[in-house]
Amino acid sequence: MKEEIKRRTEAVWQIIEAYLPKEQGRTSEVIQAMNYSVNAGGKRLRPLLMSETYKLFGGNGTVIEPFMAAIEMIHTYSLVHDDLPAMDNDEYRRGKKTTWAQYGEAVAVLAGDALLNYAFETALTAFSCEGADAARVARALSILAKKAGIYGMIGGQDADIAAERAEEALELSQLLYIHEHKTAALIQASMMIGAVLAGACDEAVDIIEQAAYEIGIAFQIQDDILDVTSTFEELGKPIGSDEKNNKTTYVTLKGIDEASREQKELSAHAISRLEALGQKGFQNEFLTDLVKSLITRLK
């Protein structure tokens, strides 16, 4: 499974790389910073989930590719801004200097802004892909915009910042709101876009959205656990950053054992939703195994 994930991740990276801008002209520095950020590595989880959900519902065209690149650009820009001194003040991510530490704060802000804008430039090229269904592409763009915006990831980031300023302790419902929007929203966007572009019915898209929510929350809980239990060498970034920034996490609220139990429960429920789709004729064994692998990931 590890080898298969590696192989498919490399194929995803080749698609993303093909859409990155050329480092030339008067804006070459900000483009270098953009590409540095995307090239920093990572699991490419969101475009991989998008591609595999597209295959789940029988998709086999190139219309998915601009969206795969776009979702990774949006995810990357969020990390670029998240690492800034004004946010988490992290100097390392994935074992490399963060964008602001490498290029300075001003260029990092611009690189993040540029990645967000370029993501939509890229996604819009889907309209010109051979065999593209304009209505599906338009709906996919709507999902991408909403899940990345104030009702999605940005909303979650804002709630996270507000929680850091608050004097009272964060409640579980508030933490789940942050995780749902800051982390799960882009995973929902990825899988929903894959389903929509493949022509899945509304009921199936709803099931995918629910499964992706559970995958996203489980993924974030594991992130919280690794911030306590992992090492810099394994994680590629400083551990203990949540404690350093006085962040309330699933681990601080529930403890590692209970957090781990709930993470496995959420993952299992998400898998059961995907397997239920299999009973309706939609099957992708790799997608199910990929979700299972998120439970035990070490970075």
C-alpha atoms as a PDB file:
ATOM      1  CA  MET A   1       0.000   0.000   0.000  1.00  0.00           C
ATOM      2  CA  LYS A   2       2.852   2.395   0.836  1.00  0.00           C
ATOM      3  CA  GLU A   3       4.414   1.801  -2.561  1.00  0.00           C
ATOM      4  CA  GLU A   4       1.097   2.309  -4.329  1.00  0.00           C
ATOM      5  CA  ILE A   5       0.451   5.547  -2.443  1.00  0.00           C
ATOM      6  CA  LYS A   6       3.955   6.700  -3.388  1.00  0.00           C
ATOM      7  CA  ARG A   7       3.398   5.840  -7.052  1.00  0.00           C
ATOM      8  CA  ARG A   8       0.058   7.617  -7.269  1.00  0.00           C
ATOM      9  CA  THR A   9       1.346  10.598  -5.309  1.00  0.00           C
ATOM     10  CA  GLU A  10       4.200  10.985  -7.783  1.00  0.00           C
ATOM     11  CA  ALA A  11       1.681  10.916 -10.649  1.00  0.00           C
ATOM     12  CA  VAL A  12      -0.343  13.609  -8.861  1.00  0.00           C
ATOM     13  CA  TRP A  13       2.802  15.723  -8.422  1.00  0.00           C
ATOM     14  CA  GLN A  14       3.563  15.548 -12.151  1.00  0.00           C
ATOM     15  CA  ILE A  15       0.105  16.999 -12.848  1.00  0.00           C
ATOM     16  CA  ILE A  16       0.569  19.787 -10.287  1.00  0.00           C
ATOM     17  CA  GLU A  17       4.064  20.598 -11.540  1.00  0.00           C
ATOM     18  CA  ALA A  18       2.770  21.028 -15.092  1.00  0.00           C
ATOM     19  CA  TYR A  19       0.517  23.876 -13.911  1.00  0.00           C
ATOM     20  CA  LEU A  20       3.107  25.824 -11.896  1.00  0.00           C
ATOM     21  CA  PRO A  21       4.039  29.242 -13.357  1.00  0.00           C
ATOM     22  CA  LYS A  22       7.381  29.864 -15.070  1.00  0.00           C
ATOM     23  CA  GLU A  23       9.948  31.754 -12.975  1.00  0.00           C
ATOM     24  CA  GLN A  24      10.591  34.644 -15.315  1.00  0.00           C
ATOM     25  CA  GLY A  25       9.914  38.351 -15.807  1.00  0.00           C
ATOM     26  CA  ARG A  26       9.693  41.157 -13.266  1.00  0.00           C
ATOM     27  CA  THR A  27       7.592  39.030 -10.909  1.00  0.00           C
ATOM     28  CA  SER A  28      10.103  36.170 -10.850  1.00  0.00           C
ATOM     29  CA  GLU A  29      10.810  36.490  -7.103  1.00  0.00           C
ATOM     30  CA  VAL A  30       7.223  36.014  -5.997  1.00  0.00           C
ATOM     31  CA  ILE A  31       6.841  33.166  -8.520  1.00  0.00           C
ATOM     32  CA  GLN A  32       9.985  31.549  -7.111  1.00  0.00           C
ATOM     33  CA  ALA A  33       8.459  31.823  -3.627  1.00  0.00           C
ATOM     34  CA  MET A  34       5.186  30.322  -4.895  1.00  0.00           C
ATOM     35  CA  ASN A  35       6.962  27.370  -6.485  1.00  0.00           C
ATOM     36  CA  TYR A  36       9.277  26.949  -3.486  1.00  0.00           C
ATOM     37  CA  SER A  37       6.204  26.612  -1.280  1.00  0.00           C
ATOM     38  CA  VAL A  38       4.476  24.056  -3.504  1.00  0.00           C
ATOM     39  CA  ASN A  39       7.755  22.170  -4.039  1.00  0.00           C
ATOM     40  CA  ALA A  40       8.324  21.840  -0.286  1.00  0.00           C
ATOM     41  CA  GLY A  41       6.821  18.364  -0.391  1.00  0.00           C
ATOM     42  CA  GLY A  42       3.861  16.975   1.495  1.00  0.00           C
ATOM     43  CA  LYS A  43       1.393  14.155   1.059  1.00  0.00           C
ATOM     44  CA  ARG A  44      -0.524  15.724  -1.855  1.00  0.00           C
ATOM     45  CA  LEU A  45      -3.487  14.263   0.009  1.00  0.00           C
ATOM     46  CA  ARG A  46      -6.160  16.620  -1.288  1.00  0.00           C
ATOM     47  CA  PRO A  47      -5.493  16.244  -5.027  1.00  0.00           C
ATOM     48  CA  LEU A  48      -5.051  12.496  -4.488  1.00  0.00           C
ATOM     49  CA  LEU A  49      -8.425  12.246  -2.729  1.00  0.00           C
ATOM     50  CA  MET A  50      -9.945  14.340  -5.529  1.00  0.00           C
ATOM     51  CA  SER A  51      -8.534  12.105  -8.250  1.00  0.00           C
ATOM     52  CA  GLU A  52      -9.562   8.888  -6.522  1.00  0.00           C
ATOM     53  CA  THR A  53     -13.100  10.139  -5.846  1.00  0.00           C
ATOM     54  CA  TYR A  54     -13.332  11.114  -9.518  1.00  0.00           C
ATOM     55  CA  LYS A  55     -12.363   7.534 -10.414  1.00  0.00           C
ATOM     56  CA  LEU A  56     -14.836   6.163  -7.852  1.00  0.00           C
ATOM     57  CA  PHE A  57     -17.708   7.604  -9.884  1.00  0.00           C
ATOM     58  CA  GLY A  58     -16.280   6.591 -13.242  1.00  0.00           C
ATOM     59  CA  GLY A  59     -14.427   9.780 -14.195  1.00  0.00           C
ATOM     60  CA  ASN A  60     -11.658   9.235 -16.740  1.00  0.00           C
ATOM     61  CA  GLY A  61     -10.965  12.612 -18.430  1.00  0.00           C
ATOM     62  CA  THR A  62      -8.442  15.408 -17.943  1.00  0.00           C
ATOM     63  CA  VAL A  63     -10.995  17.914 -16.614  1.00  0.00           C
ATOM     64  CA  ILE A  64     -10.051  16.904 -13.070  1.00  0.00           C
ATOM     65  CA  GLU A  65      -6.388  17.892 -13.492  1.00  0.00           C
ATOM     66  CA  PRO A  66      -6.667  21.710 -13.247  1.00  0.00           C
ATOM     67  CA  PHE A  67      -8.702  21.276 -10.077  1.00  0.00           C
ATOM     68  CA  MET A  68      -6.107  18.897  -8.622  1.00  0.00           C
ATOM     69  CA  ALA A  69      -3.447  21.557  -9.117  1.00  0.00           C
ATOM     70  CA  ALA A  70      -5.746  24.297  -7.811  1.00  0.00           C
ATOM     71  CA  ILE A  71      -6.621  22.546  -4.544  1.00  0.00           C
ATOM     72  CA  GLU A  72      -2.925  21.968  -3.797  1.00  0.00           C
ATOM     73  CA  MET A  73      -2.172  25.644  -4.496  1.00  0.00           C
ATOM     74  CA  ILE A  74      -4.927  26.729  -2.120  1.00  0.00           C
ATOM     75  CA  HIS A  75      -3.776  24.316   0.571  1.00  0.00           C
ATOM     76  CA  THR A  76      -0.189  25.519   0.144  1.00  0.00           C
ATOM     77  CA  TYR A  77      -1.111  29.202   0.347  1.00  0.00           C
ATOM     78  CA  SER A  78      -2.932  28.521   3.612  1.00  0.00           C
ATOM     79  CA  LEU A  79       0.242  26.958   5.039  1.00  0.00           C
ATOM     80  CA  VAL A  80       2.394  29.861   3.821  1.00  0.00           C
ATOM     81  CA  HIS A  81       0.180  32.310   5.692  1.00  0.00           C
ATOM     82  CA  ASP A  82      -0.272  29.984   8.682  1.00  0.00           C
ATOM     83  CA  ASP A  83       3.500  29.891   9.214  1.00  0.00           C
ATOM     84  CA  LEU A  84       3.908  33.696   9.275  1.00  0.00           C
ATOM     85  CA  PRO A  85       5.085  35.379  12.507  1.00  0.00           C
ATOM     86  CA  ALA A  86       1.635  36.976  12.808  1.00  0.00           C
ATOM     87  CA  MET A  87       0.091  33.489  12.897  1.00  0.00           C
ATOM     88  CA  ASP A  88       2.042  30.440  14.160  1.00  0.00           C
ATOM     89  CA  ASN A  89       5.547  31.881  13.704  1.00  0.00           C
ATOM     90  CA  ASP A  90       6.996  28.593  12.417  1.00  0.00           C
ATOM     91  CA  GLU A  91      10.380  28.585  10.683  1.00  0.00           C
ATOM     92  CA  TYR A  92      10.311  25.002   9.416  1.00  0.00           C
ATOM     93  CA  ARG A  93       7.778  22.869   7.577  1.00  0.00           C
ATOM     94  CA  ARG A  94       8.417  19.456   6.013  1.00  0.00           C
ATOM     95  CA  GLY A  95      12.060  19.751   7.013  1.00  0.00           C
ATOM     96  CA  LYS A  96      12.642  22.944   5.012  1.00  0.00           C
ATOM     97  CA  LYS A  97      12.572  26.623   5.913  1.00  0.00           C
ATOM     98  CA  THR A  98       9.083  28.068   5.670  1.00  0.00           C
ATOM     99  CA  THR A  99       8.434  30.564   2.895  1.00  0.00           C
ATOM    100  CA  TRP A 100       8.693  33.646   5.112  1.00  0.00           C
ATOM    101  CA  ALA A 101      11.921  32.344   6.687  1.00  0.00           C
ATOM    102  CA  GLN A 102      13.390  31.833   3.215  1.00  0.00           C
ATOM    103  CA  TYR A 103      12.091  34.935   1.379  1.00  0.00           C
ATOM    104  CA  GLY A 104      10.979  37.350   4.088  1.00  0.00           C
ATOM    105  CA  GLU A 105       7.525  38.149   5.400  1.00  0.00           C
ATOM    106  CA  ALA A 106       6.449  40.558   2.637  1.00  0.00           C
ATOM    107  CA  VAL A 107       7.247  38.161  -0.200  1.00  0.00           C
ATOM    108  CA  ALA A 108       5.619  35.285   1.710  1.00  0.00           C
ATOM    109  CA  VAL A 109       2.376  37.248   2.047  1.00  0.00           C
ATOM    110  CA  LEU A 110       2.428  38.023  -1.673  1.00  0.00           C
ATOM    111  CA  ALA A 111       3.284  34.407  -2.529  1.00  0.00           C
ATOM    112  CA  GLY A 112       0.289  33.198  -0.539  1.00  0.00           C
ATOM    113  CA  ASP A 113      -1.990  35.743  -2.200  1.00  0.00           C
ATOM    114  CA  ALA A 114      -0.595  34.798  -5.603  1.00  0.00           C
ATOM    115  CA  LEU A 115      -1.142  31.075  -5.035  1.00  0.00           C
ATOM    116  CA  LEU A 116      -4.790  31.661  -4.159  1.00  0.00           C
ATOM    117  CA  ASN A 117      -5.391  33.762  -7.255  1.00  0.00           C
ATOM    118  CA  TYR A 118      -3.417  31.439  -9.496  1.00  0.00           C
ATOM    119  CA  ALA A 119      -5.414  28.481  -8.174  1.00  0.00           C
ATOM    120  CA  PHE A 120      -8.576  29.942  -9.674  1.00  0.00           C
ATOM    121  CA  GLU A 121      -6.789  30.903 -12.900  1.00  0.00           C
ATOM    122  CA  THR A 122      -5.774  27.252 -13.126  1.00  0.00           C
ATOM    123  CA  ALA A 123      -9.172  25.797 -12.236  1.00  0.00           C
ATOM    124  CA  LEU A 124     -10.857  27.979 -14.865  1.00  0.00           C
ATOM    125  CA  THR A 125      -8.849  26.271 -17.588  1.00  0.00           C
ATOM    126  CA  ALA A 126     -11.016  23.186 -16.956  1.00  0.00           C
ATOM    127  CA  PHE A 127     -13.671  24.752 -19.192  1.00  0.00           C
ATOM    128  CA  SER A 128     -11.366  24.221 -22.175  1.00  0.00           C
ATOM    129  CA  CYS A 129     -10.531  20.587 -21.375  1.00  0.00           C
ATOM    130  CA  GLU A 130     -11.734  18.131 -23.971  1.00  0.00           C
ATOM    131  CA  GLY A 131     -15.216  16.833 -23.163  1.00  0.00           C
ATOM    132  CA  ALA A 132     -15.688  19.198 -20.205  1.00  0.00           C
ATOM    133  CA  ASP A 133     -19.264  19.626 -18.990  1.00  0.00           C
ATOM    134  CA  ALA A 134     -19.666  23.375 -18.355  1.00  0.00           C
ATOM    135  CA  ALA A 135     -22.361  22.946 -15.683  1.00  0.00           C
ATOM    136  CA  ARG A 136     -20.236  20.479 -13.714  1.00  0.00           C
ATOM    137  CA  VAL A 137     -17.145  22.689 -13.960  1.00  0.00           C
ATOM    138  CA  ALA A 138     -19.145  25.706 -12.760  1.00  0.00           C
ATOM    139  CA  ARG A 139     -20.495  23.736  -9.794  1.00  0.00           C
ATOM    140  CA  ALA A 140     -16.994  22.509  -8.967  1.00  0.00           C
ATOM    141  CA  LEU A 141     -15.711  26.097  -8.997  1.00  0.00           C
ATOM    142  CA  SER A 142     -18.509  27.122  -6.647  1.00  0.00           C
ATOM    143  CA  ILE A 143     -17.582  24.340  -4.212  1.00  0.00           C
ATOM    144  CA  LEU A 144     -13.904  25.318  -4.383  1.00  0.00           C
ATOM    145  CA  ALA A 145     -14.633  28.980  -3.685  1.00  0.00           C
ATOM    146  CA  LYS A 146     -17.016  28.327  -0.795  1.00  0.00           C
ATOM    147  CA  LYS A 147     -14.936  25.692   0.991  1.00  0.00           C
ATOM    148  CA  ALA A 148     -11.806  27.868   0.723  1.00  0.00           C
ATOM    149  CA  GLY A 149     -13.510  31.086   1.812  1.00  0.00           C
ATOM    150  CA  ILE A 150     -15.196  32.685   4.806  1.00  0.00           C
ATOM    151  CA  TYR A 151     -17.677  29.815   5.111  1.00  0.00           C
ATOM    152  CA  GLY A 152     -14.848  27.294   4.913  1.00  0.00           C
ATOM    153  CA  MET A 153     -11.100  27.376   5.524  1.00  0.00           C
ATOM    154  CA  ILE A 154     -10.760  31.142   6.098  1.00  0.00           C
ATOM    155  CA  GLY A 155     -13.649  31.020   8.550  1.00  0.00           C
ATOM    156  CA  GLY A 156     -11.904  28.234  10.433  1.00  0.00           C
ATOM    157  CA  GLN A 157      -8.644  30.175  10.548  1.00  0.00           C
ATOM    158  CA  ASP A 158     -10.453  33.242  11.885  1.00  0.00           C
ATOM    159  CA  ALA A 159     -12.137  31.159  14.586  1.00  0.00           C
ATOM    160  CA  ASP A 160      -8.746  29.678  15.470  1.00  0.00           C
ATOM    161  CA  ILE A 161      -7.218  33.134  15.913  1.00  0.00           C
ATOM    162  CA  ALA A 162     -10.200  34.284  17.991  1.00  0.00           C
ATOM    163  CA  ALA A 163      -9.805  31.215  20.205  1.00  0.00           C
ATOM    164  CA  GLU A 164      -6.154  32.085  20.863  1.00  0.00           C
ATOM    165  CA  ARG A 165      -7.182  35.580  22.026  1.00  0.00           C
ATOM    166  CA  ALA A 166     -10.041  34.366  24.212  1.00  0.00           C
ATOM    167  CA  GLU A 167      -9.513  34.317  27.956  1.00  0.00           C
ATOM    168  CA  GLU A 168     -11.936  31.468  28.631  1.00  0.00           C
ATOM    169  CA  ALA A 169     -11.115  27.854  27.804  1.00  0.00           C
ATOM    170  CA  LEU A 170     -12.141  26.542  24.395  1.00  0.00           C
ATOM    171  CA  GLU A 171     -15.091  24.145  24.387  1.00  0.00           C
ATOM    172  CA  LEU A 172     -15.251  20.999  22.264  1.00  0.00           C
ATOM    173  CA  SER A 173     -17.984  22.430  20.024  1.00  0.00           C
ATOM    174  CA  GLN A 174     -15.761  25.440  19.247  1.00  0.00           C
ATOM    175  CA  LEU A 175     -12.780  23.211  18.523  1.00  0.00           C
ATOM    176  CA  LEU A 176     -14.857  21.041  16.184  1.00  0.00           C
ATOM    177  CA  TYR A 177     -16.001  24.179  14.348  1.00  0.00           C
ATOM    178  CA  ILE A 178     -12.368  25.168  13.811  1.00  0.00           C
ATOM    179  CA  HIS A 179     -11.373  21.682  12.641  1.00  0.00           C
ATOM    180  CA  GLU A 180     -14.419  21.388  10.378  1.00  0.00           C
ATOM    181  CA  HIS A 181     -13.665  24.645   8.600  1.00  0.00           C
ATOM    182  CA  LYS A 182      -9.893  24.980   8.815  1.00  0.00           C
ATOM    183  CA  THR A 183      -9.035  21.368   7.941  1.00  0.00           C
ATOM    184  CA  ALA A 184     -12.045  19.350   6.789  1.00  0.00           C
ATOM    185  CA  ALA A 185     -13.394  21.981   4.376  1.00  0.00           C
ATOM    186  CA  LEU A 186     -10.633  21.518   1.781  1.00  0.00           C
ATOM    187  CA  ILE A 187     -10.865  17.734   2.070  1.00  0.00           C
ATOM    188  CA  GLN A 188     -14.610  18.068   1.483  1.00  0.00           C
ATOM    189  CA  ALA A 189     -13.933  20.325  -1.505  1.00  0.00           C
ATOM    190  CA  SER A 190     -11.464  17.820  -2.938  1.00  0.00           C
ATOM    191  CA  MET A 191     -13.765  14.832  -2.743  1.00  0.00           C
ATOM    192  CA  MET A 192     -16.946  16.696  -3.682  1.00  0.00           C
ATOM    193  CA  ILE A 193     -15.286  18.189  -6.771  1.00  0.00           C
ATOM    194  CA  GLY A 194     -14.115  14.729  -7.814  1.00  0.00           C
ATOM    195  CA  ALA A 195     -17.664  13.426  -7.479  1.00  0.00           C
ATOM    196  CA  VAL A 196     -19.285  16.388  -9.240  1.00  0.00           C
ATOM    197  CA  LEU A 197     -16.913  16.365 -12.218  1.00  0.00           C
ATOM    198  CA  ALA A 198     -17.519  12.627 -12.655  1.00  0.00           C
ATOM    199  CA  GLY A 199     -21.278  13.218 -12.758  1.00  0.00           C
ATOM    200  CA  ALA A 200     -22.301  11.792  -9.377  1.00  0.00           C
ATOM    201  CA  CYS A 201     -25.891  12.416  -8.287  1.00  0.00           C
ATOM    202  CA  ASP A 202     -26.734  14.899  -5.507  1.00  0.00           C
ATOM    203  CA  GLU A 203     -27.310  12.115  -2.963  1.00  0.00           C
ATOM    204  CA  ALA A 204     -23.875  10.642  -3.628  1.00  0.00           C
ATOM    205  CA  VAL A 205     -22.211  14.067  -3.402  1.00  0.00           C
ATOM    206  CA  ASP A 206     -23.902  14.563  -0.001  1.00  0.00           C
ATOM    207  CA  ILE A 207     -22.555  11.202   1.220  1.00  0.00           C
ATOM    208  CA  ILE A 208     -19.077  12.167   0.030  1.00  0.00           C
ATOM    209  CA  GLU A 209     -19.317  15.516   1.848  1.00  0.00           C
ATOM    210  CA  GLN A 210     -20.236  13.742   5.093  1.00  0.00           C
ATOM    211  CA  ALA A 211     -17.472  11.156   4.721  1.00  0.00           C
ATOM    212  CA  ALA A 212     -14.939  13.893   3.929  1.00  0.00           C
ATOM    213  CA  TYR A 213     -15.975  15.778   7.079  1.00  0.00           C
ATOM    214  CA  GLU A 214     -15.171  12.721   9.189  1.00  0.00           C
ATOM    215  CA  ILE A 215     -11.908  12.136   7.320  1.00  0.00           C
ATOM    216  CA  GLY A 216     -10.940  15.776   7.883  1.00  0.00           C
ATOM    217  CA  ILE A 217     -11.666  15.747  11.615  1.00  0.00           C
ATOM    218  CA  ALA A 218      -9.835  12.438  12.035  1.00  0.00           C
ATOM    219  CA  PHE A 219      -6.889  13.806  10.065  1.00  0.00           C
ATOM    220  CA  GLN A 220      -6.686  16.894  12.303  1.00  0.00           C
ATOM    221  CA  ILE A 221      -6.934  14.838  15.497  1.00  0.00           C
ATOM    222  CA  GLN A 222      -3.982  12.768  14.290  1.00  0.00           C
ATOM    223  CA  ASP A 223      -2.143  16.042  13.602  1.00  0.00           C
ATOM    224  CA  ASP A 224      -2.800  17.099  17.205  1.00  0.00           C
ATOM    225  CA  ILE A 225      -1.520  13.748  18.463  1.00  0.00           C
ATOM    226  CA  LEU A 226       1.647  13.900  16.352  1.00  0.00           C
ATOM    227  CA  ASP A 227       2.412  17.403  17.614  1.00  0.00           C
ATOM    228  CA  VAL A 228       2.822  15.793  21.042  1.00  0.00           C
ATOM    229  CA  THR A 229       4.235  12.352  20.234  1.00  0.00           C
ATOM    230  CA  SER A 230       6.363  12.806  17.108  1.00  0.00           C
ATOM    231  CA  THR A 231       9.859  14.207  16.538  1.00  0.00           C
ATOM    232  CA  PHE A 232      11.227  16.959  14.298  1.00  0.00           C
ATOM    233  CA  GLU A 233      12.927  14.310  12.138  1.00  0.00           C
ATOM    234  CA  GLU A 234       9.663  12.421  11.560  1.00  0.00           C
ATOM    235  CA  LEU A 235       7.336  15.417  11.250  1.00  0.00           C
ATOM    236  CA  GLY A 236       9.632  17.787   9.372  1.00  0.00           C
ATOM    237  CA  LYS A 237       8.652  20.720  11.584  1.00  0.00           C
ATOM    238  CA  PRO A 238       9.048  21.640  15.257  1.00  0.00           C
ATOM    239  CA  ILE A 239       6.881  19.591  17.591  1.00  0.00           C
ATOM    240  CA  GLY A 240       5.065  21.132  20.516  1.00  0.00           C
ATOM    241  CA  SER A 241       4.027  24.189  18.486  1.00  0.00           C
ATOM    242  CA  ASP A 242       0.441  23.878  19.759  1.00  0.00           C
ATOM    243  CA  GLU A 243       1.624  24.109  23.358  1.00  0.00           C
ATOM    244  CA  LYS A 244       4.004  26.940  22.437  1.00  0.00           C
ATOM    245  CA  ASN A 245       1.096  28.918  20.980  1.00  0.00           C
ATOM    246  CA  ASN A 246      -1.236  28.008  23.876  1.00  0.00           C
ATOM    247  CA  LYS A 247      -3.588  26.219  21.514  1.00  0.00           C
ATOM    248  CA  THR A 248      -6.406  24.024  22.769  1.00  0.00           C
ATOM    249  CA  THR A 249      -6.401  20.769  20.791  1.00  0.00           C
ATOM    250  CA  TYR A 250      -8.233  17.457  20.887  1.00  0.00           C
ATOM    251  CA  VAL A 251      -5.330  16.092  22.921  1.00  0.00           C
ATOM    252  CA  THR A 252      -5.450  18.848  25.560  1.00  0.00           C
ATOM    253  CA  LEU A 253      -9.223  18.446  25.890  1.00  0.00           C
ATOM    254  CA  LYS A 254      -9.497  14.657  25.795  1.00  0.00           C
ATOM    255  CA  GLY A 255      -6.046  13.200  26.326  1.00  0.00           C
ATOM    256  CA  ILE A 256      -4.097  11.123  23.825  1.00  0.00           C
ATOM    257  CA  ASP A 257      -5.913   7.814  24.437  1.00  0.00           C
ATOM    258  CA  GLU A 258      -9.427   9.231  24.018  1.00  0.00           C
ATOM    259  CA  ALA A 259      -8.374  11.407  21.092  1.00  0.00           C
ATOM    260  CA  SER A 260      -6.872   8.344  19.392  1.00  0.00           C
ATOM    261  CA  ARG A 261     -10.021   6.307  20.007  1.00  0.00           C
ATOM    262  CA  GLU A 262     -12.286   8.975  18.533  1.00  0.00           C
ATOM    263  CA  GLN A 263      -9.968   9.427  15.559  1.00  0.00           C
ATOM    264  CA  LYS A 264     -10.224   5.719  14.734  1.00  0.00           C
ATOM    265  CA  GLU A 265     -13.999   5.821  15.211  1.00  0.00           C
ATOM    266  CA  LEU A 266     -14.414   8.751  12.816  1.00  0.00           C
ATOM    267  CA  SER A 267     -12.176   7.098  10.235  1.00  0.00           C
ATOM    268  CA  ALA A 268     -14.101   3.814  10.468  1.00  0.00           C
ATOM    269  CA  HIS A 269     -17.410   5.630  10.004  1.00  0.00           C
ATOM    270  CA  ALA A 270     -16.096   7.479   6.964  1.00  0.00           C
ATOM    271  CA  ILE A 271     -14.929   4.177   5.492  1.00  0.00           C
ATOM    272  CA  SER A 272     -18.362   2.652   6.089  1.00  0.00           C
ATOM    273  CA  ARG A 273     -19.918   5.500   4.081  1.00  0.00           C
ATOM    274  CA  LEU A 274     -17.534   4.805   1.185  1.00  0.00           C
ATOM    275  CA  GLU A 275     -18.234   1.087   1.387  1.00  0.00           C
ATOM    276  CA  ALA A 276     -21.983   1.795   1.292  1.00  0.00           C
ATOM    277  CA  LEU A 277     -21.411   3.530  -2.042  1.00  0.00           C
ATOM    278  CA  GLY A 278     -19.795   0.291  -3.182  1.00  0.00           C
ATOM    279  CA  GLN A 279     -23.094  -1.488  -2.609  1.00  0.00           C
ATOM    280  CA  LYS A 280     -24.599   0.953  -5.109  1.00  0.00           C
ATOM    281  CA  GLY A 281     -22.032   0.045  -7.727  1.00  0.00           C
ATOM    282  CA  PHE A 282     -19.336   2.647  -6.984  1.00  0.00           C
ATOM    283  CA  GLN A 283     -16.092   1.068  -5.825  1.00  0.00           C
ATOM    284  CA  ASN A 284     -12.503   2.232  -5.408  1.00  0.00           C
ATOM    285  CA  GLU A 285     -10.566  -0.056  -3.086  1.00  0.00           C
ATOM    286  CA  PHE A 286      -7.506   2.189  -3.144  1.00  0.00           C
ATOM    287  CA  LEU A 287      -9.544   5.172  -1.897  1.00  0.00           C
ATOM    288  CA  THR A 288     -10.774   3.122   1.061  1.00  0.00           C
ATOM    289  CA  ASP A 289      -7.247   1.905   1.832  1.00  0.00           C
ATOM    290  CA  LEU A 290      -5.929   5.456   1.556  1.00  0.00           C
ATOM    291  CA  VAL A 291      -8.371   6.646   4.219  1.00  0.00           C
ATOM    292  CA  LYS A 292      -7.356   3.725   6.431  1.00  0.00           C
ATOM    293  CA  SER A 293      -3.682   4.697   6.079  1.00  0.00           C
ATOM    294  CA  LEU A 294      -4.419   8.148   7.503  1.00  0.00           C
ATOM    295  CA  ILE A 295      -5.192   6.564  10.877  1.00  0.00           C
ATOM    296  CA  THR A 296      -1.644   5.344  11.436  1.00  0.00           C
ATOM    297  CA  ARG A 297       0.379   8.016   9.610  1.00  0.00           C
ATOM    298  CA  LEU A 298       3.468   9.288  11.415  1.00  0.00           C
ATOM    299  CA  LYS A 299       3.843  12.615   9.587  1.00  0.00           C
END
